[in-house]
Amino acid sequence: MAKIITMGEIMLRLSTPNNEKFIQADEFDVCYGGGEANVAVSLANYGHDAAFVTKVPANPIGDCAVAALRKLNVDTSYIARGGERLGIYFLESGSAMRASNVVYDRAHSSISTASAEDFDFDAIFEGADWFHFTGITPAVSDAAAELTEAALKAAKAHGVKVSVDLNFRKKLWSSEKAQRIMTNLMQYVDVCIGNEEDAEKVLGFKPGNTDVTSGDLELAGYKDIFEQMVEKFNFEYVISSLRVSHSASDNGWSACIYSRDTKEFYHSREYRIHPIVDRVGGGDSFAGGTICGFLDGMDFKSALEFGVAASALKHTIPGDFNLVSRADVENLAGGDGSGRVQR
């Protein structure tokens, strides 16, 4: 199996139970998660050697975050300890026409003050096949942006394939700053993953006549910007998830991909996900599934279908992590979406 490195921030998630609003809640459900950690969990579940790189405080909460990963077979040996605190995010899960809401409490978190000196990147990337990061980590702080570029330089020095999930977060930084920093980081990237908002806010590319709130997706617009992105950054593949939000509880879910080498554009099967149990981590599960497909030697169309099926299943699971097995994903990608009881 392949060795994959992911790097970013793992956070404590506090969620209101039973779709309650914050003002109603007398307690929170507790779990841990974060973009790159979620990808590592997916890949470990599929049998790959997945390691997560981060920095967490040397206290019991940091211990719990590490334990949450370790019990799911993620390699935590590269995690540095120190800093002030673990970042927190509060989640108010939406329902029907009421959107979900996230409140961050992550200022001065351990990863936001980490530097390259906290990690031995030569040891981390020795023998690695793939490195994955997201646009969230450089958005956390200027120091985290510098750390991300240091990791990318080390990954490329070791001949490691690199993927990014652009993941624009408007509560963390502006589009202008995102474009300035992320455009520079794209020189290290082989596989670019995102959605229509990410492409526009992070890299300045906007697909024409597309409105996810109305369900109007013009695939020709995606193909056009994918070609422009490949021309500018020489990505091997550009990939976009396609979410049609009928409501917070009812989404259409598919994806598309463009190959630099074959010039082919492919749109996956679409899943209607209703009701949604938890959409947080949906994009990460898609990235993890698609990366798994590539690492397994699938052609790019099959890899995409594996990723879309994996993510569709994640929407049925509470928490950040996608806890489905390889067999679960293969069954759904193969056409079994009946949901029948397995006896």
Protein backbone atom coordinates (compact mmCIF):
# COMPACT_ATOMS: atom_id res chain seq x y z
CA MET A 1 0.00 0.00 0.00
CA ALA A 2 1.05 3.60 -0.61
CA LYS A 3 2.42 6.04 1.96
CA ILE A 4 0.47 9.29 2.12
CA ILE A 5 1.30 12.39 4.16
CA THR A 6 -1.31 15.00 5.01
CA MET A 7 -0.62 18.18 6.98
CA GLY A 8 -2.92 20.69 8.63
CA GLU A 9 -4.89 21.49 11.74
CA ILE A 10 -6.95 19.04 13.76
CA MET A 11 -9.60 20.72 15.87
CA LEU A 12 -12.02 19.99 18.65
CA ARG A 13 -15.55 20.06 17.22
CA LEU A 14 -18.48 20.98 19.47
CA SER A 15 -21.83 20.36 17.77
CA THR A 16 -25.35 21.13 18.88
CA PRO A 17 -27.36 17.89 19.21
CA ASN A 18 -30.49 17.13 17.22
CA ASN A 19 -30.12 20.09 14.86
CA GLU A 20 -30.61 22.56 17.70
CA LYS A 21 -29.61 26.18 17.33
CA PHE A 22 -26.79 27.43 19.54
CA ILE A 23 -29.19 29.33 21.77
CA GLN A 24 -31.16 26.16 22.48
CA ALA A 25 -28.24 23.89 23.30
CA ASP A 26 -27.48 22.90 26.90
CA GLU A 27 -24.72 20.52 25.81
CA PHE A 28 -22.49 19.77 22.82
CA ASP A 29 -21.51 16.59 21.06
CA VAL A 30 -17.72 16.21 20.96
CA CYS A 31 -15.51 14.91 18.18
CA TYR A 32 -12.27 15.84 16.42
CA GLY A 33 -11.56 16.65 12.81
CA GLY A 34 -10.07 18.93 10.21
CA GLY A 35 -9.60 18.88 6.46
CA GLU A 36 -6.30 17.06 6.10
CA ALA A 37 -6.89 14.84 9.14
CA ASN A 38 -10.17 13.73 7.61
CA VAL A 39 -8.38 12.76 4.40
CA ALA A 40 -5.81 10.75 6.37
CA VAL A 41 -8.58 8.84 8.15
CA SER A 42 -10.26 7.97 4.84
CA LEU A 43 -7.04 6.66 3.33
CA ALA A 44 -6.18 4.67 6.46
CA ASN A 45 -9.65 3.12 6.34
CA TYR A 46 -8.97 1.97 2.77
CA GLY A 47 -5.79 0.24 3.89
CA HIS A 48 -3.13 2.77 2.93
CA ASP A 49 -0.30 3.97 5.15
CA ALA A 50 -1.59 7.44 6.02
CA ALA A 51 0.32 9.82 8.28
CA PHE A 52 -0.92 13.17 9.59
CA VAL A 53 1.46 16.04 10.36
CA THR A 54 0.43 18.80 12.73
CA LYS A 55 1.24 20.41 16.07
CA VAL A 56 -1.03 20.06 19.09
CA PRO A 57 -0.66 21.26 22.68
CA ALA A 58 1.04 19.05 25.23
CA ASN A 59 -2.08 18.66 27.34
CA PRO A 60 -4.97 16.16 27.67
CA ILE A 61 -6.99 17.80 24.87
CA GLY A 62 -4.04 17.46 22.51
CA ASP A 63 -3.75 13.84 23.66
CA CYS A 64 -7.41 13.23 22.79
CA ALA A 65 -6.96 14.65 19.29
CA VAL A 66 -4.00 12.35 18.67
CA ALA A 67 -5.87 9.37 20.11
CA ALA A 68 -8.84 10.03 17.81
CA LEU A 69 -6.51 9.57 14.84
CA ARG A 70 -4.45 6.73 16.27
CA LYS A 71 -7.47 4.53 16.95
CA LEU A 72 -8.38 4.80 13.25
CA ASN A 73 -4.92 3.59 12.16
CA VAL A 74 -3.52 7.00 11.16
CA ASP A 75 0.24 7.32 11.76
CA THR A 76 0.64 10.06 14.38
CA SER A 77 4.38 9.70 14.89
CA TYR A 78 5.17 12.98 13.09
CA ILE A 79 2.88 15.11 15.25
CA ALA A 80 4.76 17.81 17.17
CA ARG A 81 3.72 18.84 20.66
CA GLY A 82 3.65 22.35 22.10
CA GLY A 83 1.96 25.70 21.67
CA GLU A 84 -0.92 27.20 23.55
CA ARG A 85 -4.08 25.35 22.57
CA LEU A 86 -6.07 23.16 20.24
CA GLY A 87 -8.36 25.06 17.89
CA ILE A 88 -12.10 24.68 18.41
CA TYR A 89 -15.04 25.05 16.09
CA PHE A 90 -18.69 25.13 17.04
CA LEU A 91 -21.20 23.61 14.62
CA GLU A 92 -24.90 24.36 14.45
CA SER A 93 -26.26 21.78 12.02
CA GLY A 94 -28.94 23.11 9.69
CA SER A 95 -32.05 21.36 8.46
CA ALA A 96 -34.34 21.83 5.47
CA MET A 97 -34.02 25.47 4.37
CA ARG A 98 -32.02 26.51 7.48
CA ALA A 99 -28.29 26.48 6.70
CA SER A 100 -25.62 25.12 9.01
CA ASN A 101 -23.44 27.63 10.84
CA VAL A 102 -19.82 27.39 12.00
CA VAL A 103 -18.14 29.58 14.62
CA TYR A 104 -14.34 29.35 14.88
CA ASP A 105 -12.31 29.67 18.07
CA ARG A 106 -8.87 28.86 16.72
CA ALA A 107 -6.72 31.96 17.24
CA HIS A 108 -3.24 31.15 18.61
CA SER A 109 -3.73 27.42 18.12
CA SER A 110 -0.59 25.29 18.15
CA ILE A 111 -0.44 24.81 14.38
CA SER A 112 -0.87 28.55 13.76
CA THR A 113 2.45 29.24 15.49
CA ALA A 114 4.33 26.15 14.24
CA SER A 115 7.39 26.45 12.01
CA ALA A 116 9.42 24.15 9.79
CA GLU A 117 11.88 23.68 12.66
CA ASP A 118 9.18 21.67 14.47
CA PHE A 119 9.33 18.93 11.83
CA ASP A 120 11.93 16.75 10.11
CA PHE A 121 10.50 16.93 6.62
CA ASP A 122 13.26 14.79 5.12
CA ALA A 123 12.27 11.94 7.42
CA ILE A 124 8.55 12.61 6.92
CA PHE A 125 8.70 12.45 3.11
CA GLU A 126 11.22 9.62 2.88
CA GLY A 127 9.49 6.88 0.86
CA ALA A 128 6.23 8.85 0.58
CA ASP A 129 4.05 8.56 -2.52
CA TRP A 130 1.58 11.41 -2.02
CA PHE A 131 1.25 14.66 -0.06
CA HIS A 132 -2.11 16.36 0.47
CA PHE A 133 -2.86 19.78 1.94
CA THR A 134 -5.74 22.24 1.79
CA GLY A 135 -6.21 25.98 1.48
CA ILE A 136 -7.36 26.05 5.10
CA THR A 137 -3.89 25.61 6.57
CA PRO A 138 -2.23 28.63 4.89
CA ALA A 139 -5.30 30.66 5.87
CA VAL A 140 -4.82 29.97 9.58
CA SER A 141 -1.80 32.29 9.93
CA ASP A 142 1.16 33.68 8.03
CA ALA A 143 3.38 31.23 9.92
CA ALA A 144 1.19 28.33 8.80
CA ALA A 145 1.43 29.57 5.20
CA GLU A 146 5.23 29.56 5.45
CA LEU A 147 5.13 26.08 7.02
CA THR A 148 2.96 24.83 4.16
CA GLU A 149 5.41 26.05 1.53
CA ALA A 150 8.32 24.49 3.41
CA ALA A 151 6.50 21.16 3.41
CA LEU A 152 5.71 21.48 -0.29
CA LYS A 153 9.33 22.17 -1.17
CA ALA A 154 10.41 19.11 0.80
CA ALA A 155 7.75 16.95 -0.82
CA LYS A 156 8.84 17.91 -4.33
CA ALA A 157 12.51 17.40 -3.39
CA HIS A 158 11.57 13.80 -2.55
CA GLY A 159 9.61 13.33 -5.78
CA VAL A 160 6.25 13.12 -4.03
CA LYS A 161 3.01 13.76 -5.94
CA VAL A 162 1.07 16.67 -4.42
CA SER A 163 -2.66 17.37 -4.25
CA VAL A 164 -4.48 20.38 -2.88
CA ASP A 165 -8.09 20.93 -1.92
CA LEU A 166 -8.49 24.69 -2.35
CA ASN A 167 -11.12 24.96 0.43
CA PHE A 168 -11.77 28.71 0.63
CA ARG A 169 -12.89 29.82 4.11
CA LYS A 170 -14.13 33.41 4.12
CA LYS A 171 -14.08 33.50 7.93
CA LEU A 172 -10.30 32.94 7.85
CA TRP A 173 -9.06 35.23 5.06
CA SER A 174 -10.08 37.40 2.15
CA SER A 175 -10.19 36.28 -1.46
CA GLU A 176 -7.42 38.76 -2.26
CA LYS A 177 -5.04 37.27 0.30
CA ALA A 178 -6.03 33.74 -0.67
CA GLN A 179 -5.18 34.39 -4.31
CA ARG A 180 -1.86 35.99 -3.44
CA ILE A 181 -0.67 33.12 -1.27
CA MET A 182 -2.29 30.15 -2.99
CA THR A 183 -1.28 31.18 -6.50
CA ASN A 184 2.34 30.91 -5.38
CA LEU A 185 1.77 27.47 -3.84
CA MET A 186 0.23 26.08 -7.03
CA GLN A 187 3.70 25.67 -8.57
CA TYR A 188 4.14 22.58 -6.37
CA VAL A 189 0.74 21.00 -7.11
CA ASP A 190 -0.01 18.08 -9.45
CA VAL A 191 -3.70 17.48 -8.66
CA CYS A 192 -6.01 20.40 -7.88
CA ILE A 193 -9.35 19.75 -6.16
CA GLY A 194 -12.02 22.29 -5.34
CA ASN A 195 -15.49 23.52 -6.17
CA GLU A 196 -16.84 26.50 -8.09
CA GLU A 197 -16.44 28.93 -5.15
CA ASP A 198 -12.91 27.72 -4.42
CA ALA A 199 -11.81 28.16 -8.04
CA GLU A 200 -13.12 31.71 -8.09
CA LYS A 201 -12.12 32.93 -4.62
CA VAL A 202 -8.75 31.18 -4.38
CA LEU A 203 -7.46 31.23 -7.96
CA GLY A 204 -9.71 33.70 -9.76
CA PHE A 205 -11.44 31.30 -12.17
CA LYS A 206 -15.23 31.34 -12.40
CA PRO A 207 -17.36 28.84 -14.36
CA GLY A 208 -20.05 30.59 -16.37
CA ASN A 209 -23.79 30.36 -15.70
CA THR A 210 -23.48 28.19 -12.61
CA ASP A 211 -25.61 28.72 -9.50
CA VAL A 212 -25.58 25.93 -6.92
CA THR A 213 -28.48 27.52 -5.02
CA SER A 214 -30.76 27.14 -8.06
CA GLY A 215 -29.36 23.78 -9.14
CA ASP A 216 -28.07 25.14 -12.43
CA LEU A 217 -24.70 23.59 -13.27
CA GLU A 218 -23.28 24.33 -16.71
CA LEU A 219 -20.60 21.69 -17.19
CA ALA A 220 -19.14 23.44 -20.24
CA GLY A 221 -18.13 26.28 -17.93
CA TYR A 222 -16.18 23.90 -15.74
CA LYS A 223 -14.37 22.39 -18.71
CA ASP A 224 -13.38 25.86 -19.86
CA ILE A 225 -11.88 26.95 -16.53
CA PHE A 226 -10.21 23.57 -16.05
CA GLU A 227 -8.40 24.08 -19.34
CA GLN A 228 -7.37 27.58 -18.25
CA MET A 229 -6.11 26.28 -14.90
CA VAL A 230 -4.06 23.56 -16.58
CA GLU A 231 -2.61 26.08 -19.00
CA LYS A 232 -1.60 28.43 -16.17
CA PHE A 233 -0.42 25.92 -13.55
CA ASN A 234 0.27 22.72 -15.53
CA PHE A 235 -1.87 20.59 -13.21
CA GLU A 236 -2.02 16.93 -14.19
CA TYR A 237 -5.68 16.80 -13.14
CA VAL A 238 -8.23 19.42 -12.12
CA ILE A 239 -11.19 18.11 -10.16
CA SER A 240 -14.34 19.74 -8.84
CA SER A 241 -17.06 18.43 -6.61
CA LEU A 242 -20.53 19.49 -7.75
CA ARG A 243 -23.03 20.09 -4.98
CA VAL A 244 -26.58 21.09 -5.84
CA SER A 245 -28.14 22.36 -2.60
CA HIS A 246 -31.87 21.81 -2.77
CA SER A 247 -31.85 22.40 0.99
CA ALA A 248 -29.55 21.76 3.95
CA SER A 249 -31.04 18.26 4.14
CA ASP A 250 -31.23 17.47 0.43
CA ASN A 251 -28.29 17.73 -1.97
CA GLY A 252 -27.34 16.47 -5.38
CA TRP A 253 -23.74 15.28 -5.38
CA SER A 254 -21.40 14.54 -8.26
CA ALA A 255 -18.00 15.64 -9.58
CA CYS A 256 -16.05 16.33 -12.75
CA ILE A 257 -12.42 15.95 -13.77
CA TYR A 258 -10.14 17.13 -16.57
CA SER A 259 -6.97 15.35 -17.65
CA ARG A 260 -4.06 17.44 -18.89
CA ASP A 261 -2.54 14.57 -20.84
CA THR A 262 -5.63 13.19 -22.60
CA LYS A 263 -7.60 16.49 -22.74
CA GLU A 264 -10.66 14.54 -21.58
CA PHE A 265 -13.41 16.00 -19.40
CA TYR A 266 -15.58 13.58 -17.44
CA HIS A 267 -18.68 14.04 -15.28
CA SER A 268 -19.47 11.37 -12.70
CA ARG A 269 -22.71 9.73 -11.71
CA GLU A 270 -24.88 11.99 -9.54
CA TYR A 271 -26.24 10.91 -6.15
CA ARG A 272 -29.30 12.42 -4.51
CA ILE A 273 -28.47 12.55 -0.78
CA HIS A 274 -31.58 12.92 1.36
CA PRO A 275 -31.74 13.23 4.27
CA ILE A 276 -28.21 14.41 4.99
CA VAL A 277 -26.95 13.35 8.42
CA ASP A 278 -23.76 15.46 8.44
CA ARG A 279 -22.22 17.23 5.45
CA VAL A 280 -19.08 18.42 7.29
CA GLY A 281 -16.13 16.51 5.90
CA GLY A 282 -17.97 15.73 2.67
CA GLY A 283 -15.33 17.37 0.52
CA ASP A 284 -12.51 15.75 2.48
CA SER A 285 -14.05 12.31 2.02
CA PHE A 286 -14.29 13.04 -1.70
CA ALA A 287 -10.62 14.03 -1.85
CA GLY A 288 -9.61 10.97 0.17
CA GLY A 289 -11.62 8.61 -2.02
CA THR A 290 -10.33 10.07 -5.27
CA ILE A 291 -6.72 9.98 -4.06
CA CYS A 292 -7.25 6.35 -3.05
CA GLY A 293 -8.46 5.59 -6.56
CA PHE A 294 -5.34 7.10 -8.09
CA LEU A 295 -3.06 5.28 -5.65
CA ASP A 296 -4.82 2.00 -6.40
CA GLY A 297 -3.98 2.43 -10.08
CA MET A 298 -7.50 3.19 -11.29
CA ASP A 299 -7.98 5.27 -14.42
CA PHE A 300 -9.01 8.84 -13.64
CA LYS A 301 -12.70 8.24 -14.36
CA SER A 302 -12.90 5.28 -12.00
CA ALA A 303 -10.92 7.17 -9.35
CA LEU A 304 -13.45 9.99 -9.55
CA GLU A 305 -16.40 7.60 -9.24
CA PHE A 306 -14.80 6.02 -6.17
CA GLY A 307 -14.36 9.47 -4.61
CA VAL A 308 -17.93 10.56 -5.31
CA ALA A 309 -19.36 7.33 -3.89
CA ALA A 310 -17.16 7.62 -0.78
CA SER A 311 -18.34 11.17 -0.19
CA ALA A 312 -22.00 10.35 -0.75
CA LEU A 313 -21.69 7.77 2.01
CA LYS A 314 -19.93 10.24 4.33
CA HIS A 315 -23.02 12.45 4.27
CA THR A 316 -24.82 9.66 6.17
CA ILE A 317 -22.28 9.56 9.04
CA PRO A 318 -22.13 12.04 11.95
CA GLY A 319 -18.77 13.60 12.74
CA ASP A 320 -15.89 14.81 10.56
CA PHE A 321 -14.42 11.40 9.73
CA ASN A 322 -15.60 9.11 6.95
CA LEU A 323 -15.78 5.69 8.60
CA VAL A 324 -16.92 3.59 5.65
CA SER A 325 -14.88 0.67 4.37
CA ARG A 326 -13.43 0.11 0.94
CA ALA A 327 -16.11 -2.54 0.35
CA ASP A 328 -18.87 -0.05 1.25
CA VAL A 329 -17.57 2.40 -1.35
CA GLU A 330 -17.06 -0.26 -4.02
CA ASN A 331 -20.63 -1.52 -3.54
CA LEU A 332 -22.13 1.95 -3.97
CA ALA A 333 -19.87 2.87 -6.89
CA GLY A 334 -20.88 -0.44 -8.47
CA GLY A 335 -24.54 0.56 -8.36
CA ASP A 336 -25.88 -0.79 -5.06
CA GLY A 337 -27.51 2.20 -3.41
CA SER A 338 -30.48 0.31 -2.05
CA GLY A 339 -29.58 0.73 1.62
CA ARG A 340 -30.88 -2.76 2.35
CA VAL A 341 -29.98 -4.30 5.70
CA GLN A 342 -26.81 -6.40 5.43
CA ARG A 343 -27.43 -9.78 7.15
